[in-house]
Amino acid sequence: MKQHVAAEISPHVLAASVPETAAVGEVNISGHRQELHRNFGLWSVCGVGIVTGNVWSALGGSIVVALYNGGPPGAIYELIAVAVFYAFISASLAELASAMPASSGVYHWAAIAAGRYGRACGFFAGWLNFLAWVVGAASISFIVGNQTVAMYAAFHDGFVVQRWHVFVSYLICTWISCATVLFANKALPLLVTLGMFCVVAGVVMTIIVCAVMPHVNGTPYASNAFVWKDWENETGYSSNGFVFLAGMLNGAYALGTPDCVSHLAEEIPKPSVNVPKAIFAQMSIGFLTGVFFLIAIFYAINDFDAVVESGTFPLAEIYRQVTGSRGGSLGLLILIFLPTFLCCIGCYITAGRMYWTLARDNATPFSSYYSRVSPTFRNPFNATLFCGIIATVLGCIYVGSSTAFNAFVASFVELTTLSYLMAILPHLLSRRANVTPGWFWMNGVTGYMVNIVTCLYIIGFDIIFCFPYALPVDAKSMNYTSLITGGLFLFVAAWWFARQSAYVGPRSVVMQNEGDMMWGDSPVGDPAPAPRSEK
């Protein structure tokens, strides 16, 4: 099997040949000594992807955006359109993950793909990706907080929801999820595997209830026209085409986590093969469960106006209409509550490991502290704890201003896609020559076309998603995504200038050939030198 050595390598990046599945103490694909045990297998890493992605529960928790941008037809068609584009994104990330299966994910890929500009590109990609996962964890805790308050309100007439009610539930969810990742590392593979079945079983039971209960209660189903044709534009924009494009934000939020399993690459065997498989499993199952969930709940709606006017969590009203009772609504809310809660655990698995990989390359404050792996719990304990603290601070912002909090969590899609762009665009501009092909690799024109579509989608829709959600706009309803994303980018830029002299950056290594790791031929390069020892 032929080797493909990077054409341009940063002076801070080393070329080396290492085994794909390094044992503890050996140098792994990241160029660091292997510190984490490989506790996860293919099933459990698929579980992490499906639980963290958890498309149907994310759609249910944020469906109010889609209802204003087209109603039921808009929600369904916008999700389908987003899924097509995220298939291109997922394929682009999967081949990078297969070639460079490191826990640092896009941070490592950007550094290698960008060649001589890799140090800066990787630094920005890593930090933006980390910030995305922290605000993503906060957004899931917020959805859980709304779910628990909605369950309480279903049995208490006249109950007025206050911010502190949601905040208390938010804190409980945040710290139970964070503590699970901190103290139950050995149990995580089993937990996420069970969570995967919980996600699938929950959506199947929800679909069955939505299909059967209106008939049992003698209430009418929604018409085919209501589900598939009757466009509802409540945004104030005159162009339905633009409303459709802007409404794709809800689907992007639900589907926009294809990199999450890549951050477990150093904790599974044969990551070059298993990470791409997990990405494809996550995205395909996520899309199918999401679209069938939307169809089922929309056919069960019998009073659309009541749903739109129900407040910040309209799913509770939909479930009340489906079952015709408070108890039935509570049961369905519990079915979506459990997967959402597990999703929060997955977010802290990802966020903590992302920050840890930045710290071990001296890219964070107090790097020596946050780069430690706990000898007791065998995980990046300090980095994960830091993520919980940041999420708590964001929750405090919500108590003071829901507008400010929403501005932070709404930047999740922008931050993740920008971090992906910083890995995929250099890969494309370098003619895909700086990356050694892995087990999954798109040869020839296919790879170029997939990367081009991915980059065009990210650039175009990151601009569209910054437009106001509705017109007319005021200070409270303004979309502050561009402000938050730009502000965080400037923060990372300032930290780059302050830290670049001490920042190490990822190392370029080449996996030892194992026969089944590459598809197609690749150019011949010189043999790589042995890895250097860690200081």
Protein backbone atom coordinates (compact mmCIF):
# COMPACT_ATOMS: atom_id res chain seq x y z
CA MET A 1 0.00 0.00 0.00
CA LYS A 2 1.32 3.39 -0.96
CA GLN A 3 1.86 6.28 1.39
CA HIS A 4 0.71 9.84 0.84
CA VAL A 5 2.81 12.39 2.72
CA ALA A 6 1.66 15.97 3.20
CA ALA A 7 2.97 18.41 0.61
CA GLU A 8 3.33 21.31 3.02
CA ILE A 9 3.84 20.93 6.74
CA SER A 10 4.09 23.69 9.30
CA PRO A 11 7.46 23.99 11.04
CA HIS A 12 5.63 23.24 14.30
CA VAL A 13 4.19 20.04 12.87
CA LEU A 14 6.07 16.76 12.70
CA ALA A 15 5.63 13.93 10.22
CA ALA A 16 5.76 10.51 11.81
CA SER A 17 4.44 6.97 11.38
CA VAL A 18 2.37 5.57 14.22
CA PRO A 19 -0.08 2.68 14.72
CA GLU A 20 -3.75 3.50 14.15
CA THR A 21 -4.76 2.05 17.53
CA ALA A 22 -2.00 3.15 19.88
CA ALA A 23 -1.81 1.63 23.35
CA VAL A 24 -1.60 3.79 26.48
CA GLY A 25 1.84 5.40 26.58
CA GLU A 26 2.49 5.10 22.85
CA VAL A 27 2.40 8.05 20.44
CA ASN A 28 -0.99 8.20 18.69
CA ILE A 29 -2.21 9.90 15.53
CA SER A 30 -2.34 13.29 17.30
CA GLY A 31 1.41 13.16 17.95
CA HIS A 32 0.80 12.90 21.71
CA ARG A 33 1.21 9.98 24.07
CA GLN A 34 -1.98 7.93 24.32
CA GLU A 35 -3.51 8.76 27.72
CA LEU A 36 -7.15 7.69 27.46
CA HIS A 37 -8.25 4.06 27.55
CA ARG A 38 -10.16 2.78 24.54
CA ASN A 39 -13.39 2.05 26.40
CA PHE A 40 -15.73 2.67 23.47
CA GLY A 41 -16.58 0.30 20.63
CA LEU A 42 -18.46 0.79 17.37
CA TRP A 43 -21.89 0.42 18.99
CA SER A 44 -21.14 2.78 21.83
CA VAL A 45 -19.55 5.45 19.63
CA CYS A 46 -22.61 5.25 17.36
CA GLY A 47 -24.60 5.70 20.56
CA VAL A 48 -22.67 8.89 21.34
CA GLY A 49 -23.45 10.24 17.88
CA ILE A 50 -27.13 9.34 17.93
CA VAL A 51 -27.65 10.51 21.52
CA THR A 52 -25.72 13.76 21.05
CA GLY A 53 -27.30 14.44 17.66
CA ASN A 54 -30.77 13.38 18.86
CA VAL A 55 -32.48 15.09 15.95
CA TRP A 56 -36.11 14.44 16.77
CA SER A 57 -35.93 15.79 20.32
CA ALA A 58 -33.92 18.83 19.17
CA LEU A 59 -36.59 19.52 16.55
CA GLY A 60 -39.31 19.19 19.17
CA GLY A 61 -37.57 21.56 21.53
CA SER A 62 -36.97 24.28 18.94
CA ILE A 63 -39.93 23.76 16.62
CA VAL A 64 -41.33 27.25 17.22
CA VAL A 65 -38.78 28.65 14.71
CA ALA A 66 -39.95 26.29 11.95
CA LEU A 67 -43.64 26.95 12.62
CA TYR A 68 -43.15 30.64 11.94
CA ASN A 69 -41.06 29.91 8.83
CA GLY A 70 -43.57 28.01 6.72
CA GLY A 71 -45.66 26.05 9.21
CA PRO A 72 -45.73 22.22 8.96
CA PRO A 73 -44.75 22.06 5.26
CA GLY A 74 -41.87 24.43 5.92
CA ALA A 75 -40.59 22.37 8.85
CA ILE A 76 -40.60 19.14 6.82
CA TYR A 77 -39.17 20.44 3.56
CA GLU A 78 -36.61 22.62 5.31
CA LEU A 79 -35.36 19.59 7.26
CA ILE A 80 -35.06 17.57 4.05
CA ALA A 81 -33.12 20.37 2.35
CA VAL A 82 -30.78 20.75 5.33
CA ALA A 83 -30.22 16.98 5.42
CA VAL A 84 -29.01 17.03 1.82
CA PHE A 85 -26.42 19.70 2.56
CA TYR A 86 -25.36 18.08 5.83
CA ALA A 87 -24.79 14.85 3.93
CA PHE A 88 -22.08 16.74 2.00
CA ILE A 89 -20.69 18.21 5.23
CA SER A 90 -20.68 14.81 6.92
CA ALA A 91 -18.89 13.16 4.00
CA SER A 92 -16.26 15.93 3.99
CA LEU A 93 -15.67 15.55 7.72
CA ALA A 94 -15.76 11.75 7.59
CA GLU A 95 -12.86 11.52 5.16
CA LEU A 96 -10.80 13.90 7.31
CA ALA A 97 -11.71 11.92 10.42
CA SER A 98 -10.71 8.71 8.68
CA ALA A 99 -7.39 10.17 7.57
CA MET A 100 -6.58 11.81 10.92
CA PRO A 101 -8.59 10.11 13.71
CA ALA A 102 -7.57 12.38 16.60
CA SER A 103 -9.75 13.55 19.49
CA SER A 104 -9.03 17.13 18.51
CA GLY A 105 -11.25 16.72 15.43
CA VAL A 106 -11.52 19.82 13.21
CA TYR A 107 -8.73 21.47 15.21
CA HIS A 108 -6.26 18.82 14.06
CA TRP A 109 -7.66 18.55 10.53
CA ALA A 110 -7.50 22.30 9.89
CA ALA A 111 -3.92 22.47 11.14
CA ILE A 112 -2.76 19.76 8.74
CA ALA A 113 -4.93 20.63 5.73
CA ALA A 114 -3.86 24.29 5.77
CA GLY A 115 -0.16 23.48 5.36
CA ARG A 116 2.05 26.47 6.16
CA TYR A 117 -0.96 28.34 7.59
CA GLY A 118 -1.94 25.39 9.74
CA ARG A 119 -1.01 26.78 13.15
CA ALA A 120 -3.34 29.77 12.88
CA CYS A 121 -6.08 27.95 11.01
CA GLY A 122 -6.11 25.07 13.48
CA PHE A 123 -6.08 27.44 16.45
CA PHE A 124 -9.17 29.29 15.24
CA ALA A 125 -10.98 26.12 14.16
CA GLY A 126 -10.37 24.48 17.52
CA TRP A 127 -11.49 27.42 19.60
CA LEU A 128 -14.62 28.07 17.53
CA ASN A 129 -15.53 24.39 17.72
CA PHE A 130 -15.05 24.34 21.49
CA LEU A 131 -17.15 27.48 21.96
CA ALA A 132 -19.86 25.95 19.77
CA TRP A 133 -20.07 22.84 21.91
CA VAL A 134 -20.25 24.82 25.14
CA VAL A 135 -23.16 26.96 23.90
CA GLY A 136 -24.67 23.78 22.44
CA ALA A 137 -24.60 22.15 25.88
CA ALA A 138 -26.22 25.27 27.33
CA SER A 139 -28.97 25.21 24.70
CA ILE A 140 -29.81 21.56 25.46
CA SER A 141 -29.94 22.30 29.20
CA PHE A 142 -32.30 25.17 28.36
CA ILE A 143 -34.57 22.83 26.36
CA VAL A 144 -34.60 20.38 29.29
CA GLY A 145 -35.42 23.26 31.63
CA ASN A 146 -38.39 24.25 29.47
CA GLN A 147 -39.54 20.64 29.25
CA THR A 148 -39.58 20.11 33.00
CA VAL A 149 -41.39 23.40 33.63
CA ALA A 150 -43.91 22.50 30.91
CA MET A 151 -44.54 19.13 32.59
CA TYR A 152 -45.19 20.89 35.89
CA ALA A 153 -47.42 23.51 34.29
CA ALA A 154 -49.56 20.83 32.63
CA PHE A 155 -50.96 19.90 36.05
CA HIS A 156 -51.15 23.38 37.58
CA ASP A 157 -53.68 25.71 36.03
CA GLY A 158 -52.78 29.37 36.24
CA PHE A 159 -49.09 28.62 36.76
CA VAL A 160 -47.01 31.50 35.39
CA VAL A 161 -43.57 30.48 34.17
CA GLN A 162 -40.73 32.64 35.52
CA ARG A 163 -37.15 32.66 34.31
CA TRP A 164 -35.85 31.37 37.60
CA HIS A 165 -38.06 28.27 37.27
CA VAL A 166 -36.31 27.36 34.04
CA PHE A 167 -32.93 28.39 35.48
CA VAL A 168 -33.22 25.99 38.44
CA SER A 169 -34.04 23.11 36.12
CA TYR A 170 -31.25 24.27 33.81
CA LEU A 171 -28.69 24.05 36.63
CA ILE A 172 -29.87 20.63 37.73
CA CYS A 173 -29.61 19.26 34.20
CA THR A 174 -26.22 20.90 33.62
CA TRP A 175 -24.55 19.52 36.70
CA ILE A 176 -26.09 16.05 36.63
CA SER A 177 -24.93 15.73 33.02
CA CYS A 178 -21.49 17.14 33.80
CA ALA A 179 -21.11 14.94 36.90
CA THR A 180 -22.04 11.86 34.88
CA VAL A 181 -19.22 12.56 32.43
CA LEU A 182 -16.81 13.42 35.26
CA PHE A 183 -17.38 10.46 37.58
CA ALA A 184 -18.84 7.69 35.41
CA ASN A 185 -16.34 7.44 32.57
CA LYS A 186 -16.27 3.64 32.62
CA ALA A 187 -20.07 3.51 32.47
CA LEU A 188 -20.38 5.95 29.55
CA PRO A 189 -20.18 3.32 26.77
CA LEU A 190 -23.04 1.35 28.32
CA LEU A 191 -24.98 4.51 29.10
CA VAL A 192 -24.83 5.91 25.58
CA THR A 193 -25.62 2.51 24.06
CA LEU A 194 -28.76 2.33 26.19
CA GLY A 195 -29.39 5.96 25.31
CA MET A 196 -29.26 5.10 21.61
CA PHE A 197 -32.04 2.58 22.05
CA CYS A 198 -33.92 5.08 24.23
CA VAL A 199 -33.75 7.67 21.42
CA VAL A 200 -35.06 5.21 18.81
CA ALA A 201 -37.68 3.64 21.09
CA GLY A 202 -38.87 7.06 22.24
CA VAL A 203 -39.53 8.33 18.72
CA VAL A 204 -41.21 5.06 17.67
CA MET A 205 -43.58 5.17 20.65
CA THR A 206 -44.28 8.86 20.05
CA ILE A 207 -45.12 8.22 16.40
CA ILE A 208 -47.45 5.35 17.33
CA VAL A 209 -49.28 7.47 19.91
CA CYS A 210 -49.64 10.36 17.47
CA ALA A 211 -51.00 7.99 14.83
CA VAL A 212 -53.47 6.17 17.09
CA MET A 213 -54.74 8.57 19.77
CA PRO A 214 -56.69 11.04 17.59
CA HIS A 215 -58.70 8.07 16.26
CA VAL A 216 -59.25 6.75 19.78
CA ASN A 217 -60.38 10.16 21.04
CA GLY A 218 -62.57 10.82 18.02
CA THR A 219 -60.70 14.00 17.10
CA PRO A 220 -59.94 14.76 13.44
CA TYR A 221 -56.53 14.34 11.90
CA ALA A 222 -54.97 17.27 10.09
CA SER A 223 -55.52 17.34 6.35
CA ASN A 224 -52.88 16.38 3.80
CA ALA A 225 -52.90 19.98 2.62
CA PHE A 226 -52.14 21.24 6.14
CA VAL A 227 -49.12 18.94 6.48
CA TRP A 228 -47.72 19.15 2.95
CA LYS A 229 -49.06 22.27 1.18
CA ASP A 230 -50.48 25.08 3.36
CA TRP A 231 -47.59 27.52 3.75
CA GLU A 232 -47.65 29.66 6.91
CA ASN A 233 -45.44 32.75 6.76
CA GLU A 234 -45.55 34.48 10.15
CA THR A 235 -42.17 36.22 9.82
CA GLY A 236 -43.14 39.48 8.11
CA TYR A 237 -40.82 38.81 5.15
CA SER A 238 -42.55 39.11 1.77
CA SER A 239 -40.37 36.52 0.01
CA ASN A 240 -41.44 32.96 0.80
CA GLY A 241 -38.22 31.74 -0.80
CA PHE A 242 -36.14 33.65 1.72
CA VAL A 243 -38.41 32.47 4.54
CA PHE A 244 -37.74 28.89 3.46
CA LEU A 245 -33.97 29.43 3.47
CA ALA A 246 -34.03 31.20 6.85
CA GLY A 247 -36.26 28.45 8.27
CA MET A 248 -33.58 25.88 7.51
CA LEU A 249 -31.90 27.11 10.70
CA ASN A 250 -34.12 24.79 12.77
CA GLY A 251 -33.02 21.75 10.79
CA ALA A 252 -29.39 22.88 10.88
CA TYR A 253 -29.57 23.15 14.67
CA ALA A 254 -30.97 19.61 14.90
CA LEU A 255 -28.64 17.97 12.39
CA GLY A 256 -25.57 20.14 12.91
CA THR A 257 -23.39 17.86 15.06
CA PRO A 258 -21.61 15.50 12.63
CA ASP A 259 -18.21 16.05 14.29
CA CYS A 260 -19.20 14.92 17.80
CA VAL A 261 -18.00 11.31 17.49
CA SER A 262 -14.64 12.44 16.09
CA HIS A 263 -13.69 13.68 19.56
CA LEU A 264 -13.71 10.07 20.80
CA ALA A 265 -11.23 8.90 18.17
CA GLU A 266 -8.56 8.20 20.78
CA GLU A 267 -10.98 6.11 22.85
CA ILE A 268 -12.10 3.54 20.28
CA PRO A 269 -10.30 0.79 18.34
CA LYS A 270 -9.71 1.26 14.60
CA PRO A 271 -10.91 4.89 14.61
CA SER A 272 -10.06 5.37 10.94
CA VAL A 273 -12.88 2.93 10.14
CA ASN A 274 -15.24 3.33 13.07
CA VAL A 275 -15.50 7.12 13.22
CA PRO A 276 -16.78 7.49 9.62
CA LYS A 277 -19.23 4.63 10.21
CA ALA A 278 -20.51 6.35 13.35
CA ILE A 279 -20.92 9.67 11.51
CA PHE A 280 -23.00 8.03 8.80
CA ALA A 281 -25.09 6.13 11.36
CA GLN A 282 -25.71 9.32 13.34
CA MET A 283 -26.78 11.40 10.35
CA SER A 284 -28.96 8.76 8.67
CA ILE A 285 -30.80 7.70 11.84
CA GLY A 286 -31.10 11.33 12.92
CA PHE A 287 -32.70 12.37 9.64
CA LEU A 288 -35.12 9.45 9.47
CA THR A 289 -36.30 9.80 13.07
CA GLY A 290 -36.61 13.57 12.66
CA VAL A 291 -38.68 13.60 9.49
CA PHE A 292 -41.08 10.84 10.62
CA PHE A 293 -41.49 12.55 13.99
CA LEU A 294 -42.50 15.82 12.31
CA ILE A 295 -44.97 14.11 10.00
CA ALA A 296 -46.58 12.25 12.91
CA ILE A 297 -47.07 15.27 15.18
CA PHE A 298 -48.31 17.52 12.38
CA TYR A 299 -51.03 15.07 11.36
CA ALA A 300 -52.16 14.96 15.00
CA ILE A 301 -52.62 18.75 15.34
CA ASN A 302 -56.24 19.90 15.37
CA ASP A 303 -55.77 23.55 16.46
CA PHE A 304 -52.74 25.15 14.84
CA ASP A 305 -53.45 28.63 16.24
CA ALA A 306 -53.35 27.28 19.80
CA VAL A 307 -49.96 25.70 19.08
CA VAL A 308 -48.46 28.92 17.70
CA GLU A 309 -49.81 30.97 20.61
CA SER A 310 -48.81 28.49 23.34
CA GLY A 311 -45.50 30.19 24.21
CA THR A 312 -41.86 29.12 24.08
CA PHE A 313 -42.51 25.36 24.18
CA PRO A 314 -45.37 24.58 21.76
CA LEU A 315 -44.66 20.84 21.78
CA ALA A 316 -46.51 20.54 25.10
CA GLU A 317 -49.66 21.93 23.45
CA ILE A 318 -49.23 19.58 20.49
CA TYR A 319 -49.01 16.61 22.84
CA ARG A 320 -52.11 17.78 24.71
CA GLN A 321 -54.02 17.85 21.45
CA VAL A 322 -52.65 14.43 20.49
CA THR A 323 -53.66 12.64 23.68
CA GLY A 324 -56.57 14.79 24.84
CA SER A 325 -55.36 14.63 28.44
CA ARG A 326 -52.75 16.05 30.75
CA GLY A 327 -51.50 12.63 31.74
CA GLY A 328 -51.02 11.59 28.14
CA SER A 329 -49.20 14.83 27.40
CA LEU A 330 -46.92 14.22 30.38
CA GLY A 331 -46.14 10.72 29.13
CA LEU A 332 -45.07 11.98 25.73
CA LEU A 333 -43.04 14.79 27.30
CA ILE A 334 -41.19 12.19 29.38
CA LEU A 335 -40.42 10.25 26.19
CA ILE A 336 -38.72 13.30 24.72
CA PHE A 337 -37.25 14.44 28.05
CA LEU A 338 -35.07 11.34 28.53
CA PRO A 339 -33.31 11.50 25.11
CA THR A 340 -32.84 15.26 25.49
CA PHE A 341 -31.24 14.79 28.90
CA LEU A 342 -28.92 12.13 27.48
CA CYS A 343 -28.08 14.53 24.66
CA CYS A 344 -26.79 16.97 27.27
CA ILE A 345 -24.45 14.29 28.59
CA GLY A 346 -23.13 13.78 25.06
CA CYS A 347 -22.48 17.50 24.71
CA TYR A 348 -20.26 17.49 27.81
CA ILE A 349 -18.38 14.43 26.55
CA THR A 350 -17.60 16.36 23.38
CA ALA A 351 -16.97 19.82 24.85
CA GLY A 352 -14.65 18.55 27.58
CA ARG A 353 -12.52 16.53 25.20
CA MET A 354 -12.32 19.41 22.73
CA TYR A 355 -11.01 21.79 25.40
CA TRP A 356 -8.58 19.14 26.66
CA THR A 357 -7.06 18.72 23.19
CA LEU A 358 -6.57 22.50 22.94
CA ALA A 359 -4.93 22.57 26.36
CA ARG A 360 -2.45 19.80 25.59
CA ASP A 361 -1.12 21.95 22.71
CA ASN A 362 -0.81 24.95 25.03
CA ALA A 363 -3.67 26.81 23.32
CA THR A 364 -5.62 27.65 26.49
CA PRO A 365 -5.05 29.56 29.72
CA PHE A 366 -3.58 27.34 32.45
CA SER A 367 -2.82 24.65 29.87
CA SER A 368 -0.86 22.45 32.25
CA TYR A 369 -3.95 22.20 34.48
CA TYR A 370 -6.59 21.61 31.82
CA SER A 371 -4.44 19.19 29.80
CA ARG A 372 -4.31 16.69 32.67
CA VAL A 373 -6.07 13.36 32.44
CA SER A 374 -7.41 12.28 35.82
CA PRO A 375 -5.55 9.14 36.99
CA THR A 376 -8.62 8.17 39.02
CA PHE A 377 -11.40 8.65 36.49
CA ARG A 378 -9.27 8.31 33.31
CA ASN A 379 -10.83 11.31 31.59
CA PRO A 380 -10.09 15.03 30.99
CA PHE A 381 -11.67 15.86 34.35
CA ASN A 382 -10.51 19.48 34.70
CA ALA A 383 -11.46 20.45 31.14
CA THR A 384 -14.93 18.95 31.49
CA LEU A 385 -15.49 20.69 34.82
CA PHE A 386 -14.54 24.00 33.18
CA CYS A 387 -17.22 23.43 30.53
CA GLY A 388 -19.83 23.00 33.26
CA ILE A 389 -18.75 26.26 34.86
CA ILE A 390 -19.07 28.15 31.56
CA ALA A 391 -22.55 26.70 31.01
CA THR A 392 -23.54 27.86 34.49
CA VAL A 393 -22.37 31.39 33.68
CA LEU A 394 -24.45 31.32 30.51
CA GLY A 395 -27.45 30.24 32.57
CA CYS A 396 -26.96 33.23 34.85
CA ILE A 397 -27.05 35.43 31.77
CA TYR A 398 -30.48 33.95 30.96
CA VAL A 399 -31.83 35.05 34.33
CA GLY A 400 -30.72 38.60 33.60
CA SER A 401 -31.67 38.70 29.93
CA SER A 402 -33.27 35.98 27.85
CA THR A 403 -32.38 37.96 24.72
CA ALA A 404 -28.66 37.87 25.58
CA PHE A 405 -28.79 34.16 26.38
CA ASN A 406 -30.64 33.34 23.16
CA ALA A 407 -28.02 35.31 21.23
CA PHE A 408 -25.29 33.03 22.59
CA VAL A 409 -27.07 29.72 21.99
CA ALA A 410 -28.27 30.81 18.54
CA SER A 411 -24.62 31.08 17.47
CA PHE A 412 -24.17 27.28 17.74
CA VAL A 413 -24.80 26.63 14.04
CA GLU A 414 -22.55 29.51 12.96
CA LEU A 415 -19.68 28.45 15.20
CA THR A 416 -19.77 24.77 14.26
CA THR A 417 -19.98 25.39 10.52
CA LEU A 418 -17.22 28.01 10.61
CA SER A 419 -14.96 25.53 12.39
CA TYR A 420 -15.79 22.94 9.71
CA LEU A 421 -15.07 25.48 6.97
CA MET A 422 -11.61 26.13 8.40
CA ALA A 423 -10.77 22.46 7.89
CA ILE A 424 -12.58 21.75 4.62
CA LEU A 425 -11.75 24.93 2.66
CA PRO A 426 -7.94 24.61 3.10
CA HIS A 427 -8.29 20.93 2.22
CA LEU A 428 -9.99 21.99 -1.03
CA LEU A 429 -7.65 24.91 -1.82
CA SER A 430 -4.59 22.71 -1.36
CA ARG A 431 -6.06 20.34 -3.97
CA ARG A 432 -6.59 17.77 -1.21
CA ALA A 433 -2.84 17.10 -1.23
CA ASN A 434 -1.92 17.76 2.40
CA VAL A 435 -3.94 14.90 3.87
CA THR A 436 -3.03 11.22 3.83
CA PRO A 437 -6.12 9.23 2.73
CA GLY A 438 -7.71 7.00 5.32
CA TRP A 439 -10.17 4.10 5.10
CA PHE A 440 -12.90 6.42 3.79
CA TRP A 441 -11.72 8.67 0.98
CA MET A 442 -13.58 10.31 -1.90
CA ASN A 443 -11.42 9.96 -4.99
CA GLY A 444 -11.20 12.25 -7.99
CA VAL A 445 -14.01 14.61 -8.96
CA THR A 446 -16.31 13.26 -6.24
CA GLY A 447 -14.15 14.62 -3.45
CA TYR A 448 -13.80 18.02 -5.07
CA MET A 449 -17.53 18.37 -5.76
CA VAL A 450 -18.53 17.34 -2.24
CA ASN A 451 -16.05 19.79 -0.70
CA ILE A 452 -17.14 22.63 -3.01
CA VAL A 453 -20.84 22.17 -2.23
CA THR A 454 -20.01 22.02 1.48
CA CYS A 455 -18.04 25.27 1.44
CA LEU A 456 -20.65 27.12 -0.64
CA TYR A 457 -23.45 26.01 1.67
CA ILE A 458 -21.59 27.08 4.81
CA ILE A 459 -20.62 30.49 3.43
CA GLY A 460 -24.08 31.22 2.01
CA PHE A 461 -26.19 30.05 4.90
CA ASP A 462 -23.99 31.50 7.62
CA ILE A 463 -24.93 34.85 6.10
CA ILE A 464 -28.64 34.01 5.79
CA PHE A 465 -28.84 32.76 9.37
CA CYS A 466 -27.71 36.17 10.60
CA PHE A 467 -30.82 37.95 9.29
CA PRO A 468 -33.57 38.94 11.78
CA TYR A 469 -35.98 36.11 12.55
CA ALA A 470 -39.03 38.29 11.81
CA LEU A 471 -40.05 41.79 10.76
CA PRO A 472 -40.50 44.41 12.05
CA VAL A 473 -37.50 44.06 14.33
CA ASP A 474 -36.71 45.67 17.67
CA ALA A 475 -33.95 45.31 20.25
CA LYS A 476 -35.61 42.29 21.87
CA SER A 477 -36.41 40.35 18.68
CA MET A 478 -33.19 41.18 16.83
CA ASN A 479 -30.97 38.31 15.68
CA TYR A 480 -27.66 38.93 17.44
CA THR A 481 -25.92 35.87 15.97
CA SER A 482 -23.55 37.96 13.86
CA LEU A 483 -22.63 40.08 16.89
CA ILE A 484 -21.92 37.09 19.13
CA THR A 485 -20.08 35.13 16.43
CA GLY A 486 -18.02 38.17 15.47
CA GLY A 487 -17.30 38.99 19.10
CA LEU A 488 -16.15 35.45 19.86
CA PHE A 489 -14.01 35.47 16.72
CA LEU A 490 -12.32 38.67 17.89
CA PHE A 491 -11.80 37.09 21.31
CA VAL A 492 -10.07 34.10 19.71
CA ALA A 493 -8.00 36.45 17.52
CA ALA A 494 -6.84 38.43 20.55
CA TRP A 495 -5.94 35.21 22.37
CA TRP A 496 -4.05 34.01 19.28
CA PHE A 497 -1.80 37.08 19.30
CA ALA A 498 -1.27 36.70 23.04
CA ARG A 499 -0.57 32.96 22.90
CA GLN A 500 1.04 32.19 19.56
CA SER A 501 4.60 32.17 20.86
CA ALA A 502 3.80 29.44 23.39
CA TYR A 503 1.27 27.58 21.25
CA VAL A 504 2.56 24.25 19.92
CA GLY A 505 -0.11 23.11 17.45
CA PRO A 506 -1.04 19.60 16.28
CA ARG A 507 1.61 17.32 14.82
CA SER A 508 1.31 15.63 11.44
CA VAL A 509 1.60 11.86 11.65
CA VAL A 510 0.93 9.06 9.20
CA MET A 511 -0.86 5.90 10.29
CA GLN A 512 0.94 2.66 9.64
CA ASN A 513 -0.74 0.87 6.76
CA GLU A 514 -3.13 -1.91 7.79
CA GLY A 515 -4.34 -3.06 4.39
CA ASP A 516 -7.99 -1.99 4.72
CA MET A 517 -7.43 1.65 5.58
CA MET A 518 -7.37 3.32 2.14
CA TRP A 519 -9.68 3.43 -0.87
CA GLY A 520 -7.84 4.00 -4.17
CA ASP A 521 -4.25 4.90 -4.88
CA SER A 522 -2.41 7.89 -3.47
CA PRO A 523 0.86 9.57 -4.47
CA VAL A 524 4.09 8.11 -3.28
CA GLY A 525 6.06 10.05 -0.66
CA ASP A 526 9.26 9.61 1.27
CA PRO A 527 9.24 7.46 4.39
CA ALA A 528 8.33 9.43 7.52
CA PRO A 529 10.79 9.77 10.41
CA ALA A 530 10.16 8.33 13.82
CA PRO A 531 8.04 10.33 16.26
CA ARG A 532 9.76 12.67 18.68
CA SER A 533 9.35 12.22 22.39
CA GLU A 534 6.95 14.38 24.40
CA LYS A 535 8.46 16.96 26.70
